[in-house]
Structure formats: C-alpha cells, structure tokens
N, C-alpha and C. Protein backbone atom coordinates (compact mmCIF):
# COMPACT_ATOMS: atom_id res chain seq x y z
N MET A 1 35.16 125.02 98.44
CA MET A 1 35.18 123.72 97.13
C MET A 1 34.06 124.22 96.27
N ASN A 2 34.39 124.31 95.16
CA ASN A 2 33.77 124.70 93.64
C ASN A 2 32.93 123.95 93.26
N THR A 3 31.96 123.86 92.75
CA THR A 3 30.47 123.01 92.26
C THR A 3 31.37 121.50 91.47
N THR A 4 32.89 122.13 90.80
CA THR A 4 33.50 120.58 89.90
C THR A 4 33.92 120.09 91.28
N GLU A 5 34.45 120.59 92.32
CA GLU A 5 35.29 119.60 92.95
C GLU A 5 34.19 119.00 93.79
N TYR A 6 33.02 119.68 94.24
CA TYR A 6 32.04 118.69 94.59
C TYR A 6 31.31 117.43 93.49
N CYS A 7 31.45 117.99 92.14
CA CYS A 7 30.92 116.65 91.38
C CYS A 7 31.91 115.35 91.31
N VAL A 8 33.51 116.43 91.86
CA VAL A 8 34.52 115.17 92.00
C VAL A 8 34.33 113.71 92.59
N GLN A 9 33.75 114.92 93.87
CA GLN A 9 33.66 114.10 95.48
C GLN A 9 32.52 113.26 95.20
N LEU A 10 31.49 113.71 94.47
CA LEU A 10 30.21 112.71 94.08
C LEU A 10 30.25 111.58 93.59
N VAL A 11 31.02 111.71 92.31
CA VAL A 11 31.76 110.44 91.30
C VAL A 11 32.81 109.36 92.13
N LEU A 12 33.31 109.73 93.25
CA LEU A 12 34.22 109.15 94.15
C LEU A 12 32.85 108.27 94.97
N VAL A 13 31.99 108.65 95.40
CA VAL A 13 31.14 108.13 96.29
C VAL A 13 29.91 107.53 95.60
N LEU A 14 29.94 107.83 94.43
CA LEU A 14 28.59 106.47 93.18
C LEU A 14 29.81 105.57 92.92
N LEU A 15 31.32 105.68 92.58
CA LEU A 15 31.92 104.47 92.66
C LEU A 15 31.79 102.99 93.80
N VAL A 16 31.88 104.46 94.85
CA VAL A 16 31.47 103.35 96.54
C VAL A 16 30.21 102.30 96.18
N VAL A 17 29.11 103.48 95.84
CA VAL A 17 28.15 102.45 95.39
C VAL A 17 28.01 101.22 94.73
N ARG A 18 28.63 102.01 93.31
CA ARG A 18 29.00 100.54 92.62
C ARG A 18 29.72 99.41 93.19
N GLN A 19 30.99 99.75 94.45
CA GLN A 19 31.51 98.56 94.63
C GLN A 19 30.56 98.26 95.75
N VAL A 20 30.06 98.48 96.42
CA VAL A 20 29.15 98.10 97.41
C VAL A 20 28.04 96.92 96.74
N LYS A 21 27.73 97.44 95.34
CA LYS A 21 26.48 96.48 94.68
C LYS A 21 27.31 95.17 94.57
N GLY A 22 28.83 95.47 94.02
CA GLY A 22 29.20 94.22 93.70
C GLY A 22 29.45 93.90 92.29
N GLY A 23 29.64 92.66 91.63
CA GLY A 23 29.54 92.53 90.17
C GLY A 23 30.90 91.82 89.76
N ARG A 24 30.44 91.21 88.24
CA ARG A 24 32.22 90.50 87.58
C ARG A 24 33.23 92.09 87.61
N LEU A 25 34.18 91.34 87.85
CA LEU A 25 34.95 92.57 87.27
C LEU A 25 35.64 92.14 85.55
N ASP A 26 35.35 92.72 85.12
CA ASP A 26 35.53 93.31 83.98
C ASP A 26 36.29 94.50 83.51
N LEU A 27 36.16 94.16 82.11
CA LEU A 27 37.71 95.58 81.60
C LEU A 27 36.38 97.35 81.93
N THR A 28 35.31 97.23 82.16
CA THR A 28 35.03 98.68 82.61
C THR A 28 35.16 99.00 83.90
N GLY A 29 35.09 98.00 84.88
CA GLY A 29 35.29 97.93 86.04
C GLY A 29 36.81 98.36 86.06
N LEU A 30 37.69 97.98 85.20
CA LEU A 30 39.06 98.90 85.65
C LEU A 30 39.37 99.62 84.80
N VAL A 31 38.71 100.34 83.34
CA VAL A 31 39.13 101.58 82.61
C VAL A 31 38.42 102.26 83.77
N LEU A 32 37.06 102.40 83.90
CA LEU A 32 36.18 103.59 84.32
C LEU A 32 37.23 104.36 85.62
N PRO A 33 37.50 103.47 86.58
CA PRO A 33 38.46 104.42 87.63
C PRO A 33 39.77 104.55 86.91
N VAL A 34 40.60 104.11 86.21
CA VAL A 34 41.57 104.40 85.64
C VAL A 34 41.74 106.08 85.00
N VAL A 35 40.32 106.17 83.93
CA VAL A 35 39.76 107.46 83.38
C VAL A 35 39.80 108.00 84.57
N LEU A 36 38.61 107.95 85.44
CA LEU A 36 38.43 109.04 86.60
C LEU A 36 39.82 109.55 87.48
N ILE A 37 40.48 108.97 87.58
CA ILE A 37 42.18 109.27 88.54
C ILE A 37 42.74 110.17 87.04
N ALA A 38 43.15 109.67 85.91
CA ALA A 38 43.65 110.13 85.10
C ALA A 38 43.30 111.72 84.88
N ALA A 39 42.17 111.63 84.56
CA ALA A 39 41.32 112.46 84.54
C ALA A 39 41.59 114.00 85.86
N THR A 40 41.48 113.24 86.68
CA THR A 40 41.40 114.23 88.19
C THR A 40 42.88 114.79 88.30
N ALA A 41 43.45 114.03 87.92
CA ALA A 41 45.36 114.16 87.73
C ALA A 41 45.48 115.65 87.11
N VAL A 42 45.12 115.01 85.98
CA VAL A 42 45.09 116.38 85.00
C VAL A 42 44.42 117.71 85.11
N TYR A 43 43.33 117.29 85.42
CA TYR A 43 42.68 119.22 86.34
C TYR A 43 43.12 119.22 87.50
N TYR A 44 43.80 118.65 88.10
CA TYR A 44 43.65 119.27 89.48
C TYR A 44 45.67 119.36 89.98
N LEU A 45 46.33 118.83 89.35
CA LEU A 45 47.96 118.67 89.37
C LEU A 45 48.64 119.34 88.20
N ARG A 46 48.18 120.52 88.31
CA ARG A 46 49.07 121.40 87.36
C ARG A 46 50.23 122.17 87.60
N SER A 47 50.06 122.06 88.75
CA SER A 47 51.48 122.93 89.33
C SER A 47 52.08 121.94 91.24
N PHE A 48 52.73 121.25 91.01
CA PHE A 48 53.47 120.72 91.96
C PHE A 48 54.19 121.36 93.09
N PRO A 49 53.66 122.05 94.25
CA PRO A 49 54.90 122.75 94.86
C PRO A 49 55.87 121.89 95.63
N THR A 50 56.90 121.92 95.81
CA THR A 50 58.09 121.16 96.27
C THR A 50 58.75 121.62 97.43
N ALA A 51 58.69 123.49 97.82
CA ALA A 51 59.78 124.17 98.41
C ALA A 51 59.08 123.96 99.50
N GLY A 52 59.94 124.25 100.88
CA GLY A 52 59.66 124.08 102.30
C GLY A 52 58.94 122.65 102.86
N GLY A 53 58.02 122.75 103.17
CA GLY A 53 56.87 121.37 103.79
C GLY A 53 55.98 120.88 102.61
N ASP A 54 56.34 121.51 101.93
CA ASP A 54 55.10 120.81 101.15
C ASP A 54 55.08 119.51 100.60
N LEU A 55 56.49 118.82 99.95
CA LEU A 55 56.94 117.74 99.62
C LEU A 55 56.53 116.78 100.62
N GLY A 56 56.35 117.31 101.88
CA GLY A 56 56.27 116.01 103.25
C GLY A 56 55.02 115.94 103.28
N LEU A 57 54.17 116.89 103.35
CA LEU A 57 52.69 117.29 103.47
C LEU A 57 52.05 116.01 102.21
N GLU A 58 52.77 116.38 101.08
CA GLU A 58 51.99 115.54 99.76
C GLU A 58 52.83 114.00 99.90
N LEU A 59 53.74 113.80 100.34
CA LEU A 59 53.85 112.29 100.58
C LEU A 59 53.15 112.10 101.51
N GLY A 60 53.15 112.60 102.86
CA GLY A 60 52.39 112.14 103.46
C GLY A 60 50.71 111.44 103.38
N LEU A 61 50.36 112.35 102.67
CA LEU A 61 48.92 112.39 102.63
C LEU A 61 49.06 111.52 100.98
N ALA A 62 49.89 111.40 100.49
CA ALA A 62 49.53 110.31 99.65
C ALA A 62 49.85 109.04 100.19
N ALA A 63 51.04 108.81 100.97
CA ALA A 63 50.68 107.52 101.75
C ALA A 63 49.86 107.32 102.53
N LEU A 64 48.67 107.98 103.35
CA LEU A 64 47.77 107.86 103.88
C LEU A 64 47.19 107.36 103.22
N GLY A 65 46.83 108.19 102.27
CA GLY A 65 45.81 107.44 101.00
C GLY A 65 46.01 106.10 100.42
N THR A 66 46.79 105.86 99.82
CA THR A 66 47.96 103.93 99.92
C THR A 66 47.55 103.16 100.98
N LEU A 67 47.70 103.75 101.97
CA LEU A 67 46.96 102.93 102.86
C LEU A 67 45.62 102.45 103.47
N LEU A 68 44.71 103.41 103.19
CA LEU A 68 43.47 103.07 103.36
C LEU A 68 43.03 102.42 101.71
N GLY A 69 43.29 102.76 100.58
CA GLY A 69 43.09 102.16 99.59
C GLY A 69 43.48 100.42 99.96
N VAL A 70 44.86 100.30 100.32
CA VAL A 70 45.09 98.72 100.02
C VAL A 70 44.14 98.10 101.64
N THR A 71 43.95 98.93 102.47
CA THR A 71 43.10 98.14 103.20
C THR A 71 41.26 98.08 102.52
N ALA A 72 41.12 99.20 102.03
CA ALA A 72 39.88 99.05 101.82
C ALA A 72 39.77 97.83 100.74
N GLY A 73 40.83 97.59 99.61
CA GLY A 73 41.08 96.45 98.87
C GLY A 73 40.68 95.32 99.32
N ALA A 74 42.14 95.05 100.57
CA ALA A 74 41.97 93.77 101.31
C ALA A 74 40.50 93.45 102.25
N THR A 75 40.01 94.34 102.46
CA THR A 75 38.61 93.95 103.17
C THR A 75 37.46 94.03 102.02
N THR A 76 37.89 94.11 100.82
CA THR A 76 36.80 93.81 99.80
C THR A 76 36.57 92.20 99.57
N HIS A 77 35.45 92.01 99.76
CA HIS A 77 35.39 89.77 99.15
C HIS A 77 35.57 90.10 98.24
N VAL A 78 36.47 89.27 97.34
CA VAL A 78 36.82 88.76 96.04
C VAL A 78 36.46 87.11 95.92
N TRP A 79 36.25 86.71 94.94
CA TRP A 79 35.84 85.42 94.61
C TRP A 79 35.76 85.25 93.51
N ALA A 80 36.08 83.79 92.89
CA ALA A 80 36.34 83.66 91.36
C ALA A 80 35.85 82.58 91.63
N THR A 81 34.46 81.88 90.22
CA THR A 81 33.76 80.72 89.76
C THR A 81 34.04 80.05 88.40
N HIS A 82 33.49 78.90 88.54
CA HIS A 82 34.37 78.56 87.20
C HIS A 82 33.39 79.12 85.53
N ASP A 83 32.05 79.33 86.00
CA ASP A 83 31.51 79.76 84.44
C ASP A 83 31.22 81.71 85.02
N GLU A 84 31.69 82.27 85.60
CA GLU A 84 31.21 83.51 85.47
C GLU A 84 32.58 84.79 85.47
N GLY A 85 33.56 84.45 85.80
CA GLY A 85 35.06 85.03 85.99
C GLY A 85 35.26 85.29 87.43
N VAL A 86 35.76 86.21 87.67
CA VAL A 86 35.98 86.83 89.20
C VAL A 86 35.02 88.17 89.35
N HIS A 87 34.52 88.82 91.13
CA HIS A 87 33.83 88.67 91.24
C HIS A 87 34.13 89.92 92.76
N ALA A 88 34.29 90.93 92.83
CA ALA A 88 34.24 91.79 94.03
C ALA A 88 33.07 92.08 94.70
N LYS A 89 32.94 92.13 96.12
CA LYS A 89 31.81 93.15 96.27
C LYS A 89 32.37 94.02 97.75
N ALA A 90 32.64 95.16 97.53
CA ALA A 90 33.06 95.95 98.84
C ALA A 90 31.86 96.05 99.47
N GLY A 91 32.71 95.07 101.33
CA GLY A 91 31.63 95.54 102.53
C GLY A 91 31.65 96.45 103.04
N LEU A 92 30.98 96.70 104.14
CA LEU A 92 31.28 98.25 105.08
C LEU A 92 32.31 98.73 105.55
N ALA A 93 33.27 97.27 106.07
CA ALA A 93 34.50 98.31 106.04
C ALA A 93 35.07 98.95 105.01
N ALA A 94 35.37 98.04 103.91
CA ALA A 94 35.76 98.88 102.74
C ALA A 94 34.82 100.33 102.27
N ALA A 95 33.94 100.03 102.25
CA ALA A 95 32.90 101.58 102.03
C ALA A 95 33.31 102.41 103.55
N ALA A 96 33.74 102.17 104.19
CA ALA A 96 33.78 103.56 105.61
C ALA A 96 34.75 103.74 105.10
N LEU A 97 36.29 102.98 104.76
CA LEU A 97 37.54 103.61 104.60
C LEU A 97 37.47 104.31 103.38
N TRP A 98 36.70 104.43 101.94
CA TRP A 98 36.23 104.88 101.25
C TRP A 98 35.39 106.05 101.44
N VAL A 99 34.52 106.19 102.23
CA VAL A 99 33.67 107.25 102.35
C VAL A 99 34.40 108.35 103.78
N GLY A 100 35.39 107.34 104.23
CA GLY A 100 35.84 108.01 105.24
C GLY A 100 37.07 109.14 104.58
N GLY A 101 37.27 108.42 103.80
CA GLY A 101 38.61 109.38 103.29
C GLY A 101 37.96 110.36 102.20
N ILE A 102 37.25 110.31 101.84
CA ILE A 102 36.28 111.23 100.96
C ILE A 102 35.88 112.59 102.06
N GLY A 103 35.02 111.45 102.74
CA GLY A 103 34.42 112.62 104.05
C GLY A 103 35.84 113.53 104.76
N ALA A 104 36.67 113.01 105.30
CA ALA A 104 37.86 113.62 106.12
C ALA A 104 38.41 114.93 104.93
N ARG A 105 38.62 114.65 103.98
CA ARG A 105 39.02 115.95 102.72
C ARG A 105 37.85 116.93 102.46
N ILE A 106 36.39 116.55 102.63
CA ILE A 106 35.75 117.43 102.56
C ILE A 106 35.24 118.49 103.73
N VAL A 107 35.28 117.75 104.57
CA VAL A 107 35.37 118.70 105.86
C VAL A 107 36.14 119.13 105.89
N PHE A 108 37.59 118.66 106.47
CA PHE A 108 38.96 119.48 105.81
C PHE A 108 38.64 120.93 105.20
N VAL A 109 38.16 120.90 104.22
CA VAL A 109 37.49 122.04 103.08
C VAL A 109 36.80 122.79 103.87
N LEU A 110 35.71 122.90 104.38
CA LEU A 110 34.96 123.34 104.71
C LEU A 110 35.52 123.64 105.80
N ALA A 111 35.64 123.13 106.90
CA ALA A 111 35.67 123.50 108.12
C ALA A 111 37.17 125.02 107.90
N ALA A 112 38.01 124.41 106.83
CA ALA A 112 39.08 125.56 106.61
C ALA A 112 38.81 126.25 106.23
N GLU A 113 37.19 126.75 105.29
CA GLU A 113 37.24 127.84 104.03
C GLU A 113 35.70 128.53 105.37
N HIS A 114 35.48 128.06 106.17
CA HIS A 114 34.10 128.34 106.62
C HIS A 114 33.97 128.57 108.40
N THR A 115 34.88 128.37 108.79
CA THR A 115 35.24 127.96 110.28
C THR A 115 36.32 129.44 111.11
N GLY A 116 36.79 129.04 112.26
CA GLY A 116 37.82 129.20 112.69
C GLY A 116 39.32 128.31 112.27
N PHE A 117 38.77 126.86 111.97
CA PHE A 117 39.86 126.16 111.86
C PHE A 117 40.65 126.63 110.15
N GLY A 118 40.34 127.46 109.70
CA GLY A 118 41.41 128.36 108.57
C GLY A 118 42.52 128.85 109.45
N THR A 119 42.45 129.38 110.55
CA THR A 119 43.27 129.96 111.10
C THR A 119 44.49 128.64 111.65
N THR A 120 43.88 127.78 112.07
CA THR A 120 44.77 126.66 112.38
C THR A 120 45.37 126.21 111.37
N VAL A 121 44.67 125.96 110.36
CA VAL A 121 45.68 125.27 109.27
C VAL A 121 46.89 126.40 108.58
N ALA A 122 46.62 127.66 108.55
CA ALA A 122 47.56 128.92 108.44
C ALA A 122 48.64 128.56 109.37
N ASP A 123 48.41 128.60 110.52
CA ASP A 123 49.18 128.72 111.72
C ASP A 123 50.31 126.90 111.40
N PHE A 124 49.27 126.24 110.81
CA PHE A 124 50.07 125.11 111.00
C PHE A 124 51.22 124.78 109.65
N SER A 125 50.50 125.99 108.85
CA SER A 125 51.18 125.77 107.41
C SER A 125 52.72 126.72 107.58
N ARG A 126 52.61 127.54 108.34
CA ARG A 126 53.74 128.24 108.72
C ARG A 126 54.55 127.81 109.46
N THR A 127 54.12 126.96 110.47
CA THR A 127 54.94 126.30 111.31
C THR A 127 55.99 124.98 110.47
N HIS A 128 54.90 124.60 109.54
CA HIS A 128 55.49 123.43 109.07
C HIS A 128 56.10 123.96 107.47
N ARG A 129 56.12 125.12 107.21
CA ARG A 129 56.73 125.74 106.01
C ARG A 129 56.17 125.24 104.54
N ILE A 130 54.61 125.24 105.08
CA ILE A 130 53.65 124.84 103.81
C ILE A 130 53.57 125.91 103.02
N THR A 131 54.28 126.05 101.55
CA THR A 131 54.07 127.68 101.03
C THR A 131 52.62 128.13 100.70
N GLY A 132 51.52 127.22 100.15
CA GLY A 132 50.52 128.11 100.43
C GLY A 132 49.22 126.86 100.19
N SER A 133 48.20 127.60 99.40
CA SER A 133 46.92 126.73 99.42
C SER A 133 46.98 125.65 98.37
N GLN A 134 48.12 125.57 97.23
CA GLN A 134 48.31 124.66 96.01
C GLN A 134 48.56 122.96 96.89
N ALA A 135 49.72 123.53 97.64
CA ALA A 135 50.30 121.98 98.21
C ALA A 135 49.27 121.77 99.11
N TRP A 136 48.33 122.34 99.06
CA TRP A 136 46.99 121.38 100.48
C TRP A 136 46.63 120.67 99.17
N VAL A 137 45.95 121.32 98.59
CA VAL A 137 45.37 120.62 97.11
C VAL A 137 45.97 119.79 96.37
N VAL A 138 47.30 119.98 95.91
CA VAL A 138 48.23 118.40 95.66
C VAL A 138 47.99 117.68 96.59
N ALA A 139 48.08 117.60 97.88
CA ALA A 139 48.09 116.71 98.76
C ALA A 139 47.16 115.57 98.93
N PHE A 140 45.97 116.47 99.09
CA PHE A 140 44.52 116.21 99.62
C PHE A 140 44.00 115.64 97.59
N VAL A 141 44.42 115.77 96.55
CA VAL A 141 44.34 115.13 95.42
C VAL A 141 45.29 113.77 95.32
N LEU A 142 46.61 113.75 96.26
CA LEU A 142 47.19 112.68 95.47
C LEU A 142 46.88 111.71 96.79
N MET A 143 46.12 111.87 97.64
CA MET A 143 45.64 111.38 99.20
C MET A 143 44.34 110.70 97.81
N ALA A 144 43.46 111.04 97.78
CA ALA A 144 42.65 110.50 96.57
C ALA A 144 42.72 109.43 95.76
N LEU A 145 43.96 109.77 94.92
CA LEU A 145 44.33 109.54 93.57
C LEU A 145 45.32 107.71 94.36
N CYS A 146 45.90 108.06 95.22
CA CYS A 146 46.44 107.10 95.75
C CYS A 146 45.39 106.09 96.24
N GLU A 147 44.75 106.11 97.23
CA GLU A 147 43.39 105.91 97.93
C GLU A 147 42.68 104.90 96.67
N ALA A 148 42.40 105.44 95.51
CA ALA A 148 41.51 105.09 94.78
C ALA A 148 42.47 104.28 93.97
N LEU A 149 43.98 104.55 93.39
CA LEU A 149 44.62 103.10 92.59
C LEU A 149 45.07 101.99 94.09
N ALA A 150 45.54 102.11 94.54
CA ALA A 150 45.64 101.29 95.52
C ALA A 150 44.84 100.56 95.98
N ARG A 151 43.54 100.84 96.25
CA ARG A 151 42.24 99.88 95.90
C ARG A 151 42.47 99.13 94.98
N LEU A 152 42.24 99.95 93.53
CA LEU A 152 41.76 98.85 92.26
C LEU A 152 42.96 98.21 92.01
N ILE A 153 44.31 97.98 92.46
CA ILE A 153 45.44 97.43 92.57
C ILE A 153 45.67 95.81 93.60
N THR A 154 44.86 96.87 94.65
CA THR A 154 44.94 95.90 95.63
C THR A 154 43.38 94.51 95.29
N VAL A 155 42.39 95.05 94.68
CA VAL A 155 41.38 94.40 94.50
C VAL A 155 41.67 92.98 93.33
N ARG A 156 42.56 93.82 92.13
CA ARG A 156 43.07 93.69 91.13
C ARG A 156 44.11 92.12 91.09
N LEU A 157 44.83 92.59 92.05
CA LEU A 157 45.25 91.31 92.67
C LEU A 157 45.27 90.17 93.30
N ARG A 158 44.10 90.94 94.24
CA ARG A 158 43.61 89.65 94.49
C ARG A 158 42.85 89.11 93.82
N ALA A 159 41.90 89.38 93.03
CA ALA A 159 41.08 88.85 91.82
C ALA A 159 42.34 87.94 91.13
N ARG A 160 43.49 88.05 90.96
CA ARG A 160 44.11 86.90 89.95
C ARG A 160 44.56 86.08 91.00
N SER A 161 44.91 86.15 92.76
CA SER A 161 45.18 85.09 93.14
C SER A 161 44.03 83.93 93.24
N ALA A 162 42.58 84.77 93.41
CA ALA A 162 41.19 83.67 93.22
C ALA A 162 41.39 83.06 92.28
N ARG A 163 41.48 83.60 91.17
CA ARG A 163 41.37 82.99 89.34
C ARG A 163 42.28 81.39 89.88
N THR A 164 43.63 82.05 90.58
CA THR A 164 44.72 80.84 90.64
C THR A 164 44.42 79.83 91.01
N ARG A 165 43.85 80.36 92.33
CA ARG A 165 43.61 79.22 93.25
C ARG A 165 42.41 78.08 92.91
N LEU A 166 41.37 78.87 92.20
CA LEU A 166 40.33 78.29 91.56
C LEU A 166 40.97 77.40 89.95
N LEU A 167 41.76 77.96 89.16
CA LEU A 167 42.39 76.71 88.71
C LEU A 167 43.04 75.22 89.14
N ALA A 168 43.89 75.97 90.11
CA ALA A 168 44.71 75.32 90.90
C ALA A 168 43.59 73.82 91.11
N LEU A 169 42.68 74.46 91.75
CA LEU A 169 42.09 73.28 92.36
C LEU A 169 41.08 72.32 91.22
N ALA A 170 40.75 73.13 90.33
CA ALA A 170 40.44 72.53 89.06
C ALA A 170 41.10 71.52 88.04
N ALA A 171 42.45 71.52 88.52
CA ALA A 171 43.72 70.82 88.04
C ALA A 171 43.88 69.21 88.55
C-alpha cells in the first residue's frame, strides 16, 4: 500500500469516529461520504477487469461490502426529535463492522505484500482464473464503496422512517 492508500483508509476510519460521536443528520453528513465515495471511485476504478474469475471476485466482495454496510446501518441508533430533526449514533457493533471491513482489507494487502501469504493469493488467483492484481484492487475498492454507500442509504432510510413515525405520533 502506498501513502495515498493509507490516507484513504485513515479517512474511512475518521468517518467511523464521526459516526460514533453521533449527531444530527444534515446535508454535510450526506454530502461528505458521497463525495469521498465518488473521489475514491474515480481514483481507483480506472480499469475494471472482467475476464476469467475477475467479475466473480469483484461482485463477491461488493456483496460482502453491501452486507457489512447494511448491517452497520441497521445497528446504528437512529432517532427523531420534534425540535432538532433526526439523529444517528453508531454503536459498538456498527463501528466494529466498519473497522473490521477496513482492517480486513489492510491486513490482506499487508500480508500479501510482506509475508508468504502472497504465494497463497497467487495460487488462489490462478486456480480461480483471476487475471491480476487490478482485479483484487477493484474488488476491495468495490467492497469499501458498497459498504459505505449501503450504510449511508440504510441510515438515511431509517432516519426517514423515524421522522415519519414521529410525525404520525404528533398528528
């Protein structure tokens, strides 16, 4: 991993800190993750290998990221108040899922680059017809992007539901 990649992971961790702190769901809380997701996609997804087993790897890790994101969003505490809008606060489970996804990607890359695990990855790639390292990059980036987007959408849908329930109780 290079410095830019470490910085991207650090920004993702800082998003977790922001979520654990909690607060009102406002436009900034929506725009910031969307901008980060878009910037990450533009930076990393310049080529999208689909030959051999590449697409299966990419879709599989994207699905895993989506599952992690939905679960993190579902375990985030979301509530509405009459005077302050809708709030969200990630708890231990949501933070653990988020950091676990980030940590798994970092550990995989470090192990592949600096230990004998790289041979295992190469053997796996040959066996499953994964054409090269770009397929792994795309798969892990898709995992991260799907995780972030799925969490964002899940929390926003739950926020809308909380707001609707509050308004229904007030009527």
